[in-house]
Amino acid sequence: MKILLIGCGNLGRALLTAWKPNQKKYEVLIVQPSLSAQALFPSFHFVRDVSEIPTDFNPDSVIIAIKPQQFQEALPQYSMYLSTSLVISFAAGISIACLETYLGQNKRCVRVMPNVAMKIGKSVNLAYGDDSFLSLKDRVLAEDILTVTGSFFWLKTESLIEDLTPISASGPAYFFMLSDILVQLAMESGLEESLSRELVQKTFLGSAALASPPYSFREMISSVASKGGVTEAALKALTPDFSDLMKRAYESAASKLKTLGK
């Protein structure tokens, strides 16, 4: 399949890393004015701007991996490709309706919100596309392009992308923050940093492996927090402040997301 990738920052590089093992399957042409990523991916074809794209290059999909602030200046230059291909956008806060202003009569558009674990093929990719305009072939193409980066979830409504972004996309940062706090506490008890980090990482990895159906997370908490025990005392100190704090964090992230497309 032929892919035109517009932009090659952290997201674009994560995509190229995921596609690299299957390069025969993915014929990718990347537009990056600085060509700074070319040295990292010498086997992919890079160009500086739209004028350098070969005239016979007809992509099956165009992937938008630039910042929302760059749309107005950059995207009109790619109208000939955006109007004929399946368009996949990773731009946070940019709605399908906004994207369509750059696509001409083309309505074949998919919004995707990944997370940082795309770098290792473990991303949670939230996706939405209007059923009225996307064919089964389009959906299969989108999945084929992106399932190598991690899990793929089709959402029933576009608004769910905004609702879930503060959870799936921001979620890794919450995990890293809690991990850092626990590492610092372990170090304050006298443990060296490397061992403190290993202790926390393995604790969370084991916990994640346990957290699977049929048990709920509340049941899993109860299995750790024995009545009158150490963990129960810790949880009492956290509740309800921790829940309220996370709700405020969610609301703050959701509020910020609404401003990105403006």
C-alpha atoms as a PDB file:
ATOM      1  CA  MET A   1       0.000   0.000   0.000  1.00  0.00           C
ATOM      2  CA  LYS A   2       1.130   3.547  -0.710  1.00  0.00           C
ATOM      3  CA  ILE A   3       1.116   6.064   2.137  1.00  0.00           C
ATOM      4  CA  LEU A   4       1.822   9.793   2.107  1.00  0.00           C
ATOM      5  CA  LEU A   5       2.932  10.873   5.582  1.00  0.00           C
ATOM      6  CA  ILE A   6       2.735  14.619   6.162  1.00  0.00           C
ATOM      7  CA  GLY A   7       4.991  15.461   9.096  1.00  0.00           C
ATOM      8  CA  CYS A   8       7.641  13.459  10.899  1.00  0.00           C
ATOM      9  CA  GLY A   9       7.885  14.576  14.510  1.00  0.00           C
ATOM     10  CA  ASN A  10       7.574  12.146  17.410  1.00  0.00           C
ATOM     11  CA  LEU A  11       4.362  10.664  16.038  1.00  0.00           C
ATOM     12  CA  GLY A  12       5.668  10.272  12.497  1.00  0.00           C
ATOM     13  CA  ARG A  13       8.834   8.608  13.762  1.00  0.00           C
ATOM     14  CA  ALA A  14       6.808   6.211  15.882  1.00  0.00           C
ATOM     15  CA  LEU A  15       4.799   5.245  12.793  1.00  0.00           C
ATOM     16  CA  LEU A  16       7.934   4.672  10.716  1.00  0.00           C
ATOM     17  CA  THR A  17       9.414   2.541  13.493  1.00  0.00           C
ATOM     18  CA  ALA A  18       6.274   0.378  13.469  1.00  0.00           C
ATOM     19  CA  TRP A  19       6.239   0.046   9.673  1.00  0.00           C
ATOM     20  CA  LYS A  20       9.962  -0.586   9.280  1.00  0.00           C
ATOM     21  CA  PRO A  21       9.884  -4.393   9.800  1.00  0.00           C
ATOM     22  CA  ASN A  22       7.314  -4.691   6.980  1.00  0.00           C
ATOM     23  CA  GLN A  23       8.703  -2.207   4.501  1.00  0.00           C
ATOM     24  CA  LYS A  24       7.755  -4.307   1.502  1.00  0.00           C
ATOM     25  CA  LYS A  25       4.132  -3.902   2.541  1.00  0.00           C
ATOM     26  CA  TYR A  26       4.265  -0.160   3.235  1.00  0.00           C
ATOM     27  CA  GLU A  27       5.514   2.137   0.475  1.00  0.00           C
ATOM     28  CA  VAL A  28       5.786   5.364   2.434  1.00  0.00           C
ATOM     29  CA  LEU A  29       6.692   8.831   1.209  1.00  0.00           C
ATOM     30  CA  ILE A  30       7.386  11.303   4.028  1.00  0.00           C
ATOM     31  CA  VAL A  31       7.192  15.094   3.792  1.00  0.00           C
ATOM     32  CA  GLN A  32       9.515  16.783   6.290  1.00  0.00           C
ATOM     33  CA  PRO A  33      11.032  20.187   5.421  1.00  0.00           C
ATOM     34  CA  SER A  34      14.110  19.697   7.603  1.00  0.00           C
ATOM     35  CA  LEU A  35      14.711  16.063   6.545  1.00  0.00           C
ATOM     36  CA  SER A  36      15.990  15.559  10.109  1.00  0.00           C
ATOM     37  CA  ALA A  37      14.477  12.069  10.380  1.00  0.00           C
ATOM     38  CA  GLN A  38      15.978  10.843   7.131  1.00  0.00           C
ATOM     39  CA  ALA A  39      19.202   9.710   8.809  1.00  0.00           C
ATOM     40  CA  LEU A  40      17.169   7.581  11.226  1.00  0.00           C
ATOM     41  CA  PHE A  41      15.130   5.953   8.459  1.00  0.00           C
ATOM     42  CA  PRO A  42      17.381   5.857   5.384  1.00  0.00           C
ATOM     43  CA  SER A  43      15.337   3.157   3.677  1.00  0.00           C
ATOM     44  CA  PHE A  44      12.229   5.383   3.501  1.00  0.00           C
ATOM     45  CA  HIS A  45      11.683   8.069   0.868  1.00  0.00           C
ATOM     46  CA  PHE A  46      11.770  11.631   2.244  1.00  0.00           C
ATOM     47  CA  VAL A  47      10.977  14.916   0.478  1.00  0.00           C
ATOM     48  CA  ARG A  48      11.117  18.513   1.718  1.00  0.00           C
ATOM     49  CA  ASP A  49       7.776  19.679   0.376  1.00  0.00           C
ATOM     50  CA  VAL A  50       4.894  18.863  -1.926  1.00  0.00           C
ATOM     51  CA  SER A  51       6.812  20.003  -5.034  1.00  0.00           C
ATOM     52  CA  GLU A  52       9.246  17.085  -4.604  1.00  0.00           C
ATOM     53  CA  ILE A  53       6.559  14.382  -4.576  1.00  0.00           C
ATOM     54  CA  PRO A  54       6.886  12.269  -7.759  1.00  0.00           C
ATOM     55  CA  THR A  55       4.084  12.979 -10.210  1.00  0.00           C
ATOM     56  CA  ASP A  56       3.215   9.278 -10.472  1.00  0.00           C
ATOM     57  CA  PHE A  57       2.809   8.809  -6.712  1.00  0.00           C
ATOM     58  CA  ASN A  58      -0.851   8.073  -5.953  1.00  0.00           C
ATOM     59  CA  PRO A  59      -1.256   7.224  -2.267  1.00  0.00           C
ATOM     60  CA  ASP A  60      -3.926   4.898  -0.938  1.00  0.00           C
ATOM     61  CA  SER A  61      -3.885   6.903   2.262  1.00  0.00           C
ATOM     62  CA  VAL A  62      -2.686  10.320   3.418  1.00  0.00           C
ATOM     63  CA  ILE A  63      -1.689  10.516   7.072  1.00  0.00           C
ATOM     64  CA  ILE A  64      -1.724  13.940   8.717  1.00  0.00           C
ATOM     65  CA  ALA A  65       0.865  14.058  11.507  1.00  0.00           C
ATOM     66  CA  ILE A  66       1.425  17.799  11.875  1.00  0.00           C
ATOM     67  CA  LYS A  67       0.269  20.169  14.619  1.00  0.00           C
ATOM     68  CA  PRO A  68      -3.219  21.701  14.322  1.00  0.00           C
ATOM     69  CA  GLN A  69      -1.639  25.155  14.149  1.00  0.00           C
ATOM     70  CA  GLN A  70       0.055  24.174  10.878  1.00  0.00           C
ATOM     71  CA  PHE A  71      -3.107  23.032   9.097  1.00  0.00           C
ATOM     72  CA  GLN A  72      -4.176  26.311   7.549  1.00  0.00           C
ATOM     73  CA  GLU A  73      -0.818  26.944   5.928  1.00  0.00           C
ATOM     74  CA  ALA A  74       0.207  23.403   5.043  1.00  0.00           C
ATOM     75  CA  LEU A  75      -2.835  21.341   4.043  1.00  0.00           C
ATOM     76  CA  PRO A  76      -4.107  23.371   1.045  1.00  0.00           C
ATOM     77  CA  GLN A  77      -0.855  22.454  -0.726  1.00  0.00           C
ATOM     78  CA  TYR A  78      -1.849  18.764  -0.609  1.00  0.00           C
ATOM     79  CA  SER A  79      -5.407  19.158  -1.945  1.00  0.00           C
ATOM     80  CA  MET A  80      -4.804  16.853  -4.922  1.00  0.00           C
ATOM     81  CA  TYR A  81      -3.934  13.997  -2.535  1.00  0.00           C
ATOM     82  CA  LEU A  82      -6.409  14.832   0.235  1.00  0.00           C
ATOM     83  CA  SER A  83      -9.298  14.873  -2.240  1.00  0.00           C
ATOM     84  CA  THR A  84      -8.731  11.354  -3.568  1.00  0.00           C
ATOM     85  CA  SER A  85      -7.256   9.233  -0.747  1.00  0.00           C
ATOM     86  CA  LEU A  86      -8.345   7.815   2.591  1.00  0.00           C
ATOM     87  CA  VAL A  87      -7.296  10.561   5.015  1.00  0.00           C
ATOM     88  CA  ILE A  88      -6.133   9.618   8.520  1.00  0.00           C
ATOM     89  CA  SER A  89      -5.605  12.484  10.944  1.00  0.00           C
ATOM     90  CA  PHE A  90      -3.787  12.351  14.276  1.00  0.00           C
ATOM     91  CA  ALA A  91      -4.410  16.022  15.081  1.00  0.00           C
ATOM     92  CA  ALA A  92      -5.765  16.446  18.603  1.00  0.00           C
ATOM     93  CA  GLY A  93      -8.896  18.547  18.858  1.00  0.00           C
ATOM     94  CA  ILE A  94      -9.487  18.784  15.092  1.00  0.00           C
ATOM     95  CA  SER A  95     -12.952  17.499  14.182  1.00  0.00           C
ATOM     96  CA  ILE A  96     -13.972  15.625  11.051  1.00  0.00           C
ATOM     97  CA  ALA A  97     -15.989  18.693  10.008  1.00  0.00           C
ATOM     98  CA  CYS A  98     -12.884  20.867  10.254  1.00  0.00           C
ATOM     99  CA  LEU A  99     -10.788  18.350   8.325  1.00  0.00           C
ATOM    100  CA  GLU A 100     -13.364  18.202   5.532  1.00  0.00           C
ATOM    101  CA  THR A 101     -12.727  21.860   4.722  1.00  0.00           C
ATOM    102  CA  TYR A 102      -9.360  20.720   3.330  1.00  0.00           C
ATOM    103  CA  LEU A 103     -10.615  17.612   1.523  1.00  0.00           C
ATOM    104  CA  GLY A 104     -12.788  19.054  -1.229  1.00  0.00           C
ATOM    105  CA  GLN A 105     -15.607  16.621  -1.953  1.00  0.00           C
ATOM    106  CA  ASN A 106     -13.808  13.750  -0.234  1.00  0.00           C
ATOM    107  CA  LYS A 107     -15.562  12.430   2.894  1.00  0.00           C
ATOM    108  CA  ARG A 108     -13.307   9.414   3.479  1.00  0.00           C
ATOM    109  CA  CYS A 109     -11.698  10.560   6.701  1.00  0.00           C
ATOM    110  CA  VAL A 110     -10.643   8.846   9.936  1.00  0.00           C
ATOM    111  CA  ARG A 111      -9.648  10.578  13.152  1.00  0.00           C
ATOM    112  CA  VAL A 112      -7.214   8.683  15.364  1.00  0.00           C
ATOM    113  CA  MET A 113      -5.967   9.428  18.866  1.00  0.00           C
ATOM    114  CA  PRO A 114      -3.000   7.227  19.821  1.00  0.00           C
ATOM    115  CA  ASN A 115      -0.793   7.276  22.890  1.00  0.00           C
ATOM    116  CA  VAL A 116       2.941   7.286  23.526  1.00  0.00           C
ATOM    117  CA  ALA A 117       3.194   3.475  23.625  1.00  0.00           C
ATOM    118  CA  MET A 118       2.997   3.566  19.821  1.00  0.00           C
ATOM    119  CA  LYS A 119       6.798   3.677  20.028  1.00  0.00           C
ATOM    120  CA  ILE A 120       6.824   0.011  21.076  1.00  0.00           C
ATOM    121  CA  GLY A 121       3.727  -1.211  19.230  1.00  0.00           C
ATOM    122  CA  LYS A 122       1.515  -1.021  22.333  1.00  0.00           C
ATOM    123  CA  SER A 123      -0.527   2.091  21.581  1.00  0.00           C
ATOM    124  CA  VAL A 124      -4.220   2.450  22.351  1.00  0.00           C
ATOM    125  CA  ASN A 125      -5.578   3.907  19.098  1.00  0.00           C
ATOM    126  CA  LEU A 126      -9.031   5.476  19.368  1.00  0.00           C
ATOM    127  CA  ALA A 127     -10.588   5.853  15.921  1.00  0.00           C
ATOM    128  CA  TYR A 128     -13.700   7.386  14.426  1.00  0.00           C
ATOM    129  CA  GLY A 129     -14.979   7.633  10.867  1.00  0.00           C
ATOM    130  CA  ASP A 130     -18.447   8.398   9.527  1.00  0.00           C
ATOM    131  CA  ASP A 131     -20.148   5.158   8.449  1.00  0.00           C
ATOM    132  CA  SER A 132     -21.990   7.072   5.749  1.00  0.00           C
ATOM    133  CA  PHE A 133     -18.778   7.704   3.830  1.00  0.00           C
ATOM    134  CA  LEU A 134     -16.312   4.989   4.862  1.00  0.00           C
ATOM    135  CA  SER A 135     -16.491   1.673   3.050  1.00  0.00           C
ATOM    136  CA  LEU A 136     -15.485  -1.630   4.607  1.00  0.00           C
ATOM    137  CA  LYS A 137     -12.367  -1.447   2.439  1.00  0.00           C
ATOM    138  CA  ASP A 138     -11.505   1.940   3.967  1.00  0.00           C
ATOM    139  CA  ARG A 139     -11.858   0.579   7.488  1.00  0.00           C
ATOM    140  CA  VAL A 140      -9.735  -2.456   6.706  1.00  0.00           C
ATOM    141  CA  LEU A 141      -7.095  -0.177   5.143  1.00  0.00           C
ATOM    142  CA  ALA A 142      -7.001   2.059   8.249  1.00  0.00           C
ATOM    143  CA  GLU A 143      -6.659  -0.969  10.516  1.00  0.00           C
ATOM    144  CA  ASP A 144      -4.025  -2.506   8.257  1.00  0.00           C
ATOM    145  CA  ILE A 145      -1.949   0.671   8.455  1.00  0.00           C
ATOM    146  CA  LEU A 146      -2.238   1.154  12.211  1.00  0.00           C
ATOM    147  CA  THR A 147      -2.700  -2.169  14.014  1.00  0.00           C
ATOM    148  CA  VAL A 148       1.076  -2.670  13.874  1.00  0.00           C
ATOM    149  CA  THR A 149       1.291   0.281  16.287  1.00  0.00           C
ATOM    150  CA  GLY A 150      -1.004  -1.280  18.910  1.00  0.00           C
ATOM    151  CA  SER A 151      -4.678  -1.876  19.719  1.00  0.00           C
ATOM    152  CA  PHE A 152      -7.344  -0.330  17.481  1.00  0.00           C
ATOM    153  CA  PHE A 153     -10.743   0.738  18.792  1.00  0.00           C
ATOM    154  CA  TRP A 154     -13.504   2.010  16.487  1.00  0.00           C
ATOM    155  CA  LEU A 155     -15.746   4.433  18.390  1.00  0.00           C
ATOM    156  CA  LYS A 156     -19.446   4.891  17.634  1.00  0.00           C
ATOM    157  CA  THR A 157     -19.429   8.685  17.978  1.00  0.00           C
ATOM    158  CA  GLU A 158     -16.780  11.310  17.322  1.00  0.00           C
ATOM    159  CA  SER A 159     -17.367  12.955  20.691  1.00  0.00           C
ATOM    160  CA  LEU A 160     -15.984   9.848  22.387  1.00  0.00           C
ATOM    161  CA  ILE A 161     -12.523  10.749  21.093  1.00  0.00           C
ATOM    162  CA  GLU A 162     -12.620  13.957  23.145  1.00  0.00           C
ATOM    163  CA  ASP A 163     -14.161  12.137  26.113  1.00  0.00           C
ATOM    164  CA  LEU A 164     -11.540   9.387  26.151  1.00  0.00           C
ATOM    165  CA  THR A 165      -8.380  11.296  25.170  1.00  0.00           C
ATOM    166  CA  PRO A 166      -7.722  12.429  28.777  1.00  0.00           C
ATOM    167  CA  ILE A 167      -7.801   8.734  29.745  1.00  0.00           C
ATOM    168  CA  SER A 168      -6.033   6.784  27.008  1.00  0.00           C
ATOM    169  CA  ALA A 169      -3.720   9.447  25.569  1.00  0.00           C
ATOM    170  CA  SER A 170      -2.904  11.201  28.857  1.00  0.00           C
ATOM    171  CA  GLY A 171      -3.046   7.999  30.896  1.00  0.00           C
ATOM    172  CA  PRO A 172       0.627   7.039  30.465  1.00  0.00           C
ATOM    173  CA  ALA A 173       1.651  10.338  32.087  1.00  0.00           C
ATOM    174  CA  TYR A 174      -0.493   9.547  35.146  1.00  0.00           C
ATOM    175  CA  PHE A 175       1.220   6.173  35.372  1.00  0.00           C
ATOM    176  CA  PHE A 176       4.672   7.722  35.037  1.00  0.00           C
ATOM    177  CA  MET A 177       3.860  10.355  37.682  1.00  0.00           C
ATOM    178  CA  LEU A 178       2.650   7.784  40.220  1.00  0.00           C
ATOM    179  CA  SER A 179       5.667   5.611  39.437  1.00  0.00           C
ATOM    180  CA  ASP A 180       8.015   8.538  40.035  1.00  0.00           C
ATOM    181  CA  ILE A 181       6.377   9.315  43.390  1.00  0.00           C
ATOM    182  CA  LEU A 182       6.753   5.708  44.544  1.00  0.00           C
ATOM    183  CA  VAL A 183      10.369   5.568  43.350  1.00  0.00           C
ATOM    184  CA  GLN A 184      11.140   8.700  45.373  1.00  0.00           C
ATOM    185  CA  LEU A 185       9.507   7.188  48.469  1.00  0.00           C
ATOM    186  CA  ALA A 186      11.535   3.991  48.036  1.00  0.00           C
ATOM    187  CA  MET A 187      14.736   6.028  47.734  1.00  0.00           C
ATOM    188  CA  GLU A 188      13.864   7.975  50.905  1.00  0.00           C
ATOM    189  CA  SER A 189      13.808   4.635  52.731  1.00  0.00           C
ATOM    190  CA  GLY A 190      17.432   4.104  51.701  1.00  0.00           C
ATOM    191  CA  LEU A 191      17.117   2.066  48.483  1.00  0.00           C
ATOM    192  CA  GLU A 192      19.288   3.112  45.543  1.00  0.00           C
ATOM    193  CA  GLU A 193      17.547   4.651  42.525  1.00  0.00           C
ATOM    194  CA  SER A 194      18.045   1.792  40.060  1.00  0.00           C
ATOM    195  CA  LEU A 195      16.633  -0.791  42.463  1.00  0.00           C
ATOM    196  CA  SER A 196      13.785   1.531  43.482  1.00  0.00           C
ATOM    197  CA  ARG A 197      12.807   1.928  39.840  1.00  0.00           C
ATOM    198  CA  GLU A 198      12.971  -1.826  39.186  1.00  0.00           C
ATOM    199  CA  LEU A 199      10.876  -2.468  42.284  1.00  0.00           C
ATOM    200  CA  VAL A 200       8.125  -0.077  41.157  1.00  0.00           C
ATOM    201  CA  GLN A 201       8.161  -1.192  37.506  1.00  0.00           C
ATOM    202  CA  LYS A 202       7.863  -4.877  38.385  1.00  0.00           C
ATOM    203  CA  THR A 203       5.138  -4.144  40.929  1.00  0.00           C
ATOM    204  CA  PHE A 204       3.041  -2.420  38.258  1.00  0.00           C
ATOM    205  CA  LEU A 205       3.799  -4.999  35.567  1.00  0.00           C
ATOM    206  CA  GLY A 206       2.656  -7.805  37.858  1.00  0.00           C
ATOM    207  CA  SER A 207      -0.450  -5.861  38.830  1.00  0.00           C
ATOM    208  CA  ALA A 208      -1.358  -5.199  35.174  1.00  0.00           C
ATOM    209  CA  ALA A 209      -0.984  -8.902  34.390  1.00  0.00           C
ATOM    210  CA  LEU A 210      -3.407  -9.748  37.210  1.00  0.00           C
ATOM    211  CA  ALA A 211      -5.998  -7.177  36.190  1.00  0.00           C
ATOM    212  CA  SER A 212      -8.041  -9.267  33.784  1.00  0.00           C
ATOM    213  CA  PRO A 213     -11.662 -10.517  33.668  1.00  0.00           C
ATOM    214  CA  PRO A 214     -13.725 -11.916  35.276  1.00  0.00           C
ATOM    215  CA  TYR A 215     -12.639  -9.817  38.252  1.00  0.00           C
ATOM    216  CA  SER A 216     -13.420  -6.102  38.453  1.00  0.00           C
ATOM    217  CA  PHE A 217     -10.824  -3.566  39.556  1.00  0.00           C
ATOM    218  CA  ARG A 218     -12.746  -3.061  42.801  1.00  0.00           C
ATOM    219  CA  GLU A 219     -12.550  -6.801  43.470  1.00  0.00           C
ATOM    220  CA  MET A 220      -8.821  -6.719  42.735  1.00  0.00           C
ATOM    221  CA  ILE A 221      -8.389  -3.870  45.232  1.00  0.00           C
ATOM    222  CA  SER A 222     -10.226  -5.892  47.872  1.00  0.00           C
ATOM    223  CA  SER A 223      -7.972  -8.866  47.217  1.00  0.00           C
ATOM    224  CA  VAL A 224      -4.948  -6.724  48.162  1.00  0.00           C
ATOM    225  CA  ALA A 225      -6.445  -4.590  50.933  1.00  0.00           C
ATOM    226  CA  SER A 226      -7.125  -6.983  53.804  1.00  0.00           C
ATOM    227  CA  LYS A 227      -9.477  -5.621  56.460  1.00  0.00           C
ATOM    228  CA  GLY A 228      -7.506  -3.852  59.138  1.00  0.00           C
ATOM    229  CA  GLY A 229      -4.295  -4.240  57.143  1.00  0.00           C
ATOM    230  CA  VAL A 230      -1.530  -1.987  55.820  1.00  0.00           C
ATOM    231  CA  THR A 231      -3.014  -1.459  52.340  1.00  0.00           C
ATOM    232  CA  GLU A 232      -6.443  -0.641  53.720  1.00  0.00           C
ATOM    233  CA  ALA A 233      -4.862   2.079  55.860  1.00  0.00           C
ATOM    234  CA  ALA A 234      -3.154   3.538  52.779  1.00  0.00           C
ATOM    235  CA  LEU A 235      -6.372   3.498  50.737  1.00  0.00           C
ATOM    236  CA  LYS A 236      -8.297   5.231  53.502  1.00  0.00           C
ATOM    237  CA  ALA A 237      -5.733   8.029  53.400  1.00  0.00           C
ATOM    238  CA  LEU A 238      -6.216   8.355  49.617  1.00  0.00           C
ATOM    239  CA  THR A 239     -10.026   8.222  49.557  1.00  0.00           C
ATOM    240  CA  PRO A 240     -11.911  10.314  48.532  1.00  0.00           C
ATOM    241  CA  ASP A 241      -9.260  12.947  47.772  1.00  0.00           C
ATOM    242  CA  PHE A 242      -7.526  10.859  45.114  1.00  0.00           C
ATOM    243  CA  SER A 243     -10.759  10.259  43.166  1.00  0.00           C
ATOM    244  CA  ASP A 244     -11.646  13.950  43.301  1.00  0.00           C
ATOM    245  CA  LEU A 245      -8.149  14.908  42.172  1.00  0.00           C
ATOM    246  CA  MET A 246      -8.313  12.560  39.177  1.00  0.00           C
ATOM    247  CA  LYS A 247     -11.731  13.949  38.215  1.00  0.00           C
ATOM    248  CA  ARG A 248     -10.313  17.474  38.273  1.00  0.00           C
ATOM    249  CA  ALA A 249      -7.329  16.335  36.199  1.00  0.00           C
ATOM    250  CA  TYR A 250      -9.694  14.738  33.661  1.00  0.00           C
ATOM    251  CA  GLU A 251     -11.825  17.878  33.453  1.00  0.00           C
ATOM    252  CA  SER A 252      -8.759  20.093  33.036  1.00  0.00           C
ATOM    253  CA  ALA A 253      -7.453  17.924  30.180  1.00  0.00           C
ATOM    254  CA  ALA A 254     -10.886  17.850  28.505  1.00  0.00           C
ATOM    255  CA  SER A 255     -11.176  21.638  28.764  1.00  0.00           C
ATOM    256  CA  LYS A 256      -7.738  22.138  27.207  1.00  0.00           C
ATOM    257  CA  LEU A 257      -8.564  19.742  24.379  1.00  0.00           C
ATOM    258  CA  LYS A 258     -11.491  21.942  23.335  1.00  0.00           C
ATOM    259  CA  THR A 259      -9.144  24.862  22.707  1.00  0.00           C
ATOM    260  CA  LEU A 260      -6.678  23.021  20.431  1.00  0.00           C
ATOM    261  CA  GLY A 261      -8.707  23.315  17.253  1.00  0.00           C
ATOM    262  CA  LYS A 262      -9.340  27.035  17.684  1.00  0.00           C
END
